[in-house]
C-alpha atoms as a PDB file:
ATOM      1  CA  UNK A   1    -167.152  70.140 -17.638  1.00  0.00           C
ATOM      2  CA  UNK A   2    -166.260  68.338 -14.414  1.00  0.00           C
ATOM      3  CA  UNK A   3    -162.770  68.978 -13.060  1.00  0.00           C
ATOM      4  CA  UNK A   4    -161.022  66.150 -11.232  1.00  0.00           C
ATOM      5  CA  UNK A   5    -157.938  66.385  -9.070  1.00  0.00           C
ATOM      6  CA  UNK A   6    -155.614  63.547  -8.169  1.00  0.00           C
ATOM      7  CA  UNK A   7    -155.121  63.739  -4.408  1.00  0.00           C
ATOM      8  CA  UNK A   8    -152.009  62.291  -2.750  1.00  0.00           C
ATOM      9  CA  UNK A   9    -151.633  61.250   0.880  1.00  0.00           C
ATOM     10  CA  UNK A  10    -148.350  59.893   2.308  1.00  0.00           C
ATOM     11  CA  UNK A  11    -146.032  59.716   5.281  1.00  0.00           C
ATOM     12  CA  UNK A  12    -142.568  61.284   4.946  1.00  0.00           C
ATOM     13  CA  UNK A  13    -139.265  60.766   6.706  1.00  0.00           C
ATOM     14  CA  UNK A  14    -136.640  63.533   6.253  1.00  0.00           C
ATOM     15  CA  UNK A  15    -138.468  64.892   3.190  1.00  0.00           C
ATOM     16  CA  UNK A  16    -138.843  68.621   2.450  1.00  0.00           C
ATOM     17  CA  UNK A  17    -140.686  68.458  -0.905  1.00  0.00           C
ATOM     18  CA  UNK A  18    -142.164  66.012  -3.424  1.00  0.00           C
ATOM     19  CA  UNK A  19    -143.153  67.169  -6.917  1.00  0.00           C
ATOM     20  CA  UNK A  20    -143.216  66.303 -10.622  1.00  0.00           C
ATOM     21  CA  UNK A  21    -141.063  67.916 -13.323  1.00  0.00           C
ATOM     22  CA  UNK A  22    -143.831  69.760 -15.231  1.00  0.00           C
ATOM     23  CA  UNK A  23    -144.715  70.274 -18.088  1.00  0.00           C
ATOM     24  CA  UNK A  24    -143.015  67.264 -19.741  1.00  0.00           C
ATOM     25  CA  UNK A  25    -144.454  64.854 -17.203  1.00  0.00           C
ATOM     26  CA  UNK A  26    -146.531  62.051 -18.812  1.00  0.00           C
ATOM     27  CA  UNK A  27    -149.641  60.587 -17.224  1.00  0.00           C
ATOM     28  CA  UNK A  28    -150.630  57.048 -18.197  1.00  0.00           C
ATOM     29  CA  UNK A  29    -154.367  56.615 -17.683  1.00  0.00           C
ATOM     30  CA  UNK A  30    -157.210  54.282 -18.503  1.00  0.00           C
ATOM     31  CA  UNK A  31    -160.097  56.376 -19.802  1.00  0.00           C
ATOM     32  CA  UNK A  32    -163.857  56.013 -19.227  1.00  0.00           C
ATOM     33  CA  UNK A  33    -166.396  57.635 -21.560  1.00  0.00           C
ATOM     34  CA  UNK A  34    -168.432  60.344 -19.833  1.00  0.00           C
ATOM     35  CA  UNK A  35    -171.472  59.374 -21.921  1.00  0.00           C
ATOM     36  CA  UNK A  36    -171.829  55.598 -21.577  1.00  0.00           C
ATOM     37  CA  UNK A  37    -169.115  54.719 -18.988  1.00  0.00           C
ATOM     38  CA  UNK A  38    -167.318  52.386 -21.424  1.00  0.00           C
ATOM     39  CA  UNK A  39    -163.744  51.875 -20.152  1.00  0.00           C
ATOM     40  CA  UNK A  40    -160.748  51.742 -22.504  1.00  0.00           C
ATOM     41  CA  UNK A  41    -158.654  48.574 -22.717  1.00  0.00           C
ATOM     42  CA  UNK A  42    -155.437  50.486 -23.424  1.00  0.00           C
ATOM     43  CA  UNK A  43    -153.381  52.925 -21.375  1.00  0.00           C
ATOM     44  CA  UNK A  44    -153.314  56.437 -22.866  1.00  0.00           C
ATOM     45  CA  UNK A  45    -150.539  58.955 -22.274  1.00  0.00           C
ATOM     46  CA  UNK A  46    -151.419  62.560 -21.554  1.00  0.00           C
ATOM     47  CA  UNK A  47    -149.028  65.460 -21.083  1.00  0.00           C
ATOM     48  CA  UNK A  48    -149.437  69.091 -20.106  1.00  0.00           C
ATOM     49  CA  UNK A  49    -147.016  70.077 -22.897  1.00  0.00           C
ATOM     50  CA  UNK A  50    -149.073  68.472 -25.723  1.00  0.00           C
ATOM     51  CA  UNK A  51    -152.407  69.723 -27.029  1.00  0.00           C
ATOM     52  CA  UNK A  52    -154.802  68.668 -29.794  1.00  0.00           C
ATOM     53  CA  UNK A  53    -157.457  70.740 -31.536  1.00  0.00           C
ATOM     54  CA  UNK A  54    -161.009  69.739 -30.616  1.00  0.00           C
ATOM     55  CA  UNK A  55    -163.243  68.521 -33.464  1.00  0.00           C
ATOM     56  CA  UNK A  56    -165.838  71.142 -32.528  1.00  0.00           C
ATOM     57  CA  UNK A  57    -163.307  73.868 -33.354  1.00  0.00           C
ATOM     58  CA  UNK A  58    -163.826  75.348 -29.875  1.00  0.00           C
ATOM     59  CA  UNK A  59    -160.287  75.217 -28.559  1.00  0.00           C
ATOM     60  CA  UNK A  60    -157.714  72.653 -27.539  1.00  0.00           C
ATOM     61  CA  UNK A  61    -157.291  69.911 -24.955  1.00  0.00           C
ATOM     62  CA  UNK A  62    -154.394  67.810 -23.706  1.00  0.00           C
ATOM     63  CA  UNK A  63    -156.239  64.635 -24.734  1.00  0.00           C
ATOM     64  CA  UNK A  64    -159.290  63.926 -26.894  1.00  0.00           C
ATOM     65  CA  UNK A  65    -160.935  60.660 -27.924  1.00  0.00           C
ATOM     66  CA  UNK A  66    -164.131  59.377 -29.490  1.00  0.00           C
ATOM     67  CA  UNK A  67    -165.864  56.511 -27.669  1.00  0.00           C
ATOM     68  CA  UNK A  68    -165.992  53.353 -29.784  1.00  0.00           C
ATOM     69  CA  UNK A  69    -169.270  52.270 -28.188  1.00  0.00           C
ATOM     70  CA  UNK A  70    -171.484  55.391 -28.181  1.00  0.00           C
ATOM     71  CA  UNK A  71    -169.511  57.760 -30.440  1.00  0.00           C
ATOM     72  CA  UNK A  72    -169.303  60.606 -27.878  1.00  0.00           C
ATOM     73  CA  UNK A  73    -166.355  62.988 -28.214  1.00  0.00           C
ATOM     74  CA  UNK A  74    -164.517  63.279 -24.875  1.00  0.00           C
ATOM     75  CA  UNK A  75    -161.633  65.539 -23.893  1.00  0.00           C
ATOM     76  CA  UNK A  76    -159.328  66.062 -20.946  1.00  0.00           C
ATOM     77  CA  UNK A  77    -156.982  68.802 -19.774  1.00  0.00           C
ATOM     78  CA  UNK A  78    -154.097  68.297 -17.375  1.00  0.00           C
ATOM     79  CA  UNK A  79    -153.990  71.024 -14.754  1.00  0.00           C
ATOM     80  CA  UNK A  80    -150.721  72.453 -13.542  1.00  0.00           C
ATOM     81  CA  UNK A  81    -149.674  71.027 -10.160  1.00  0.00           C
ATOM     82  CA  UNK A  82    -151.267  67.626 -10.880  1.00  0.00           C
ATOM     83  CA  UNK A  83    -149.386  64.401 -10.175  1.00  0.00           C
ATOM     84  CA  UNK A  84    -148.545  60.783 -11.062  1.00  0.00           C
ATOM     85  CA  UNK A  85    -146.587  57.854  -9.635  1.00  0.00           C
ATOM     86  CA  UNK A  86    -143.362  57.720 -11.699  1.00  0.00           C
ATOM     87  CA  UNK A  87    -140.737  60.361 -12.350  1.00  0.00           C
ATOM     88  CA  UNK A  88    -141.144  62.261  -9.078  1.00  0.00           C
ATOM     89  CA  UNK A  89    -138.553  64.549  -7.545  1.00  0.00           C
ATOM     90  CA  UNK A  90    -137.953  64.193  -3.790  1.00  0.00           C
ATOM     91  CA  UNK A  91    -135.951  66.809  -1.897  1.00  0.00           C
ATOM     92  CA  UNK A  92    -134.544  65.825   1.473  1.00  0.00           C
ATOM     93  CA  UNK A  93    -135.096  68.095   4.461  1.00  0.00           C
ATOM     94  CA  UNK A  94    -132.545  70.550   5.875  1.00  0.00           C
ATOM     95  CA  UNK A  95    -130.788  71.189   2.546  1.00  0.00           C
ATOM     96  CA  UNK A  96    -130.223  67.533   1.844  1.00  0.00           C
ATOM     97  CA  UNK A  97    -129.913  65.748  -1.451  1.00  0.00           C
ATOM     98  CA  UNK A  98    -132.336  66.041  -4.417  1.00  0.00           C
ATOM     99  CA  UNK A  99    -133.482  62.650  -5.751  1.00  0.00           C
ATOM    100  CA  UNK A 100    -134.812  62.614  -9.338  1.00  0.00           C
ATOM    101  CA  UNK A 101    -136.789  60.015 -11.320  1.00  0.00           C
ATOM    102  CA  UNK A 102    -138.241  58.567  -8.103  1.00  0.00           C
ATOM    103  CA  UNK A 103    -140.724  55.734  -8.734  1.00  0.00           C
ATOM    104  CA  UNK A 104    -143.652  55.670  -6.285  1.00  0.00           C
ATOM    105  CA  UNK A 105    -145.534  52.890  -8.119  1.00  0.00           C
ATOM    106  CA  UNK A 106    -145.137  50.437  -5.210  1.00  0.00           C
ATOM    107  CA  UNK A 107    -146.529  52.962  -2.707  1.00  0.00           C
ATOM    108  CA  UNK A 108    -143.186  53.292  -0.948  1.00  0.00           C
ATOM    109  CA  UNK A 109    -139.705  54.648  -1.708  1.00  0.00           C
ATOM    110  CA  UNK A 110    -136.569  54.805   0.415  1.00  0.00           C
ATOM    111  CA  UNK A 111    -132.987  55.982  -0.178  1.00  0.00           C
ATOM    112  CA  UNK A 112    -130.007  57.233   1.797  1.00  0.00           C
ATOM    113  CA  UNK A 113    -128.971  60.907   1.835  1.00  0.00           C
ATOM    114  CA  UNK A 114    -125.178  61.192   2.011  1.00  0.00           C
ATOM    115  CA  UNK A 115    -125.321  64.877   3.039  1.00  0.00           C
ATOM    116  CA  UNK A 116    -127.667  64.292   5.977  1.00  0.00           C
ATOM    117  CA  UNK A 117    -126.369  60.803   6.807  1.00  0.00           C
ATOM    118  CA  UNK A 118    -130.053  59.852   7.151  1.00  0.00           C
ATOM    119  CA  UNK A 119    -132.656  57.723   5.441  1.00  0.00           C
ATOM    120  CA  UNK A 120    -135.103  59.591   3.190  1.00  0.00           C
ATOM    121  CA  UNK A 121    -138.447  57.854   2.818  1.00  0.00           C
ATOM    122  CA  UNK A 122    -141.937  58.199   1.325  1.00  0.00           C
ATOM    123  CA  UNK A 123    -144.403  55.554   2.532  1.00  0.00           C
ATOM    124  CA  UNK A 124    -148.092  54.708   3.113  1.00  0.00           C
ATOM    125  CA  UNK A 125    -148.790  56.389  -0.227  1.00  0.00           C
ATOM    126  CA  UNK A 126    -152.411  56.686  -1.396  1.00  0.00           C
ATOM    127  CA  UNK A 127    -153.921  58.351  -4.469  1.00  0.00           C
ATOM    128  CA  UNK A 128    -157.542  59.087  -5.275  1.00  0.00           C
ATOM    129  CA  UNK A 129    -159.445  61.248  -7.755  1.00  0.00           C
ATOM    130  CA  UNK A 130    -161.733  63.888  -6.257  1.00  0.00           C
ATOM    131  CA  UNK A 131    -164.077  66.444  -7.822  1.00  0.00           C
ATOM    132  CA  UNK A 132    -162.438  69.848  -7.950  1.00  0.00           C
ATOM    133  CA  UNK A 133    -164.064  73.293  -8.147  1.00  0.00           C
END
């Protein structure tokens, strides 16, 4: 099974940490069959906290589907420490404020930290899937 990681690259201003509130975090993905490359029309939600039994009886996965075109059974697991664009937590630097439910969908986010009296900003955000070992 191929493991993929979602890689994030961004510029930060007065930011100490950016993370997701695992394991309840929901990923909304369009899925492509690993057999015939047919792409789904719908968005599918996947969560680390939910599992389904595989039809083969050989364990569980966070998401499983059967391709409508070729009939192949596909499955996916969400790895801890993986990410998405909505529902982020941003912690300001130097003991500043904690911002929850941050939406990075537009590739940029900015707010004002009352403790620091400074702007807190995430910008030039890029995501890409890479093969993982």
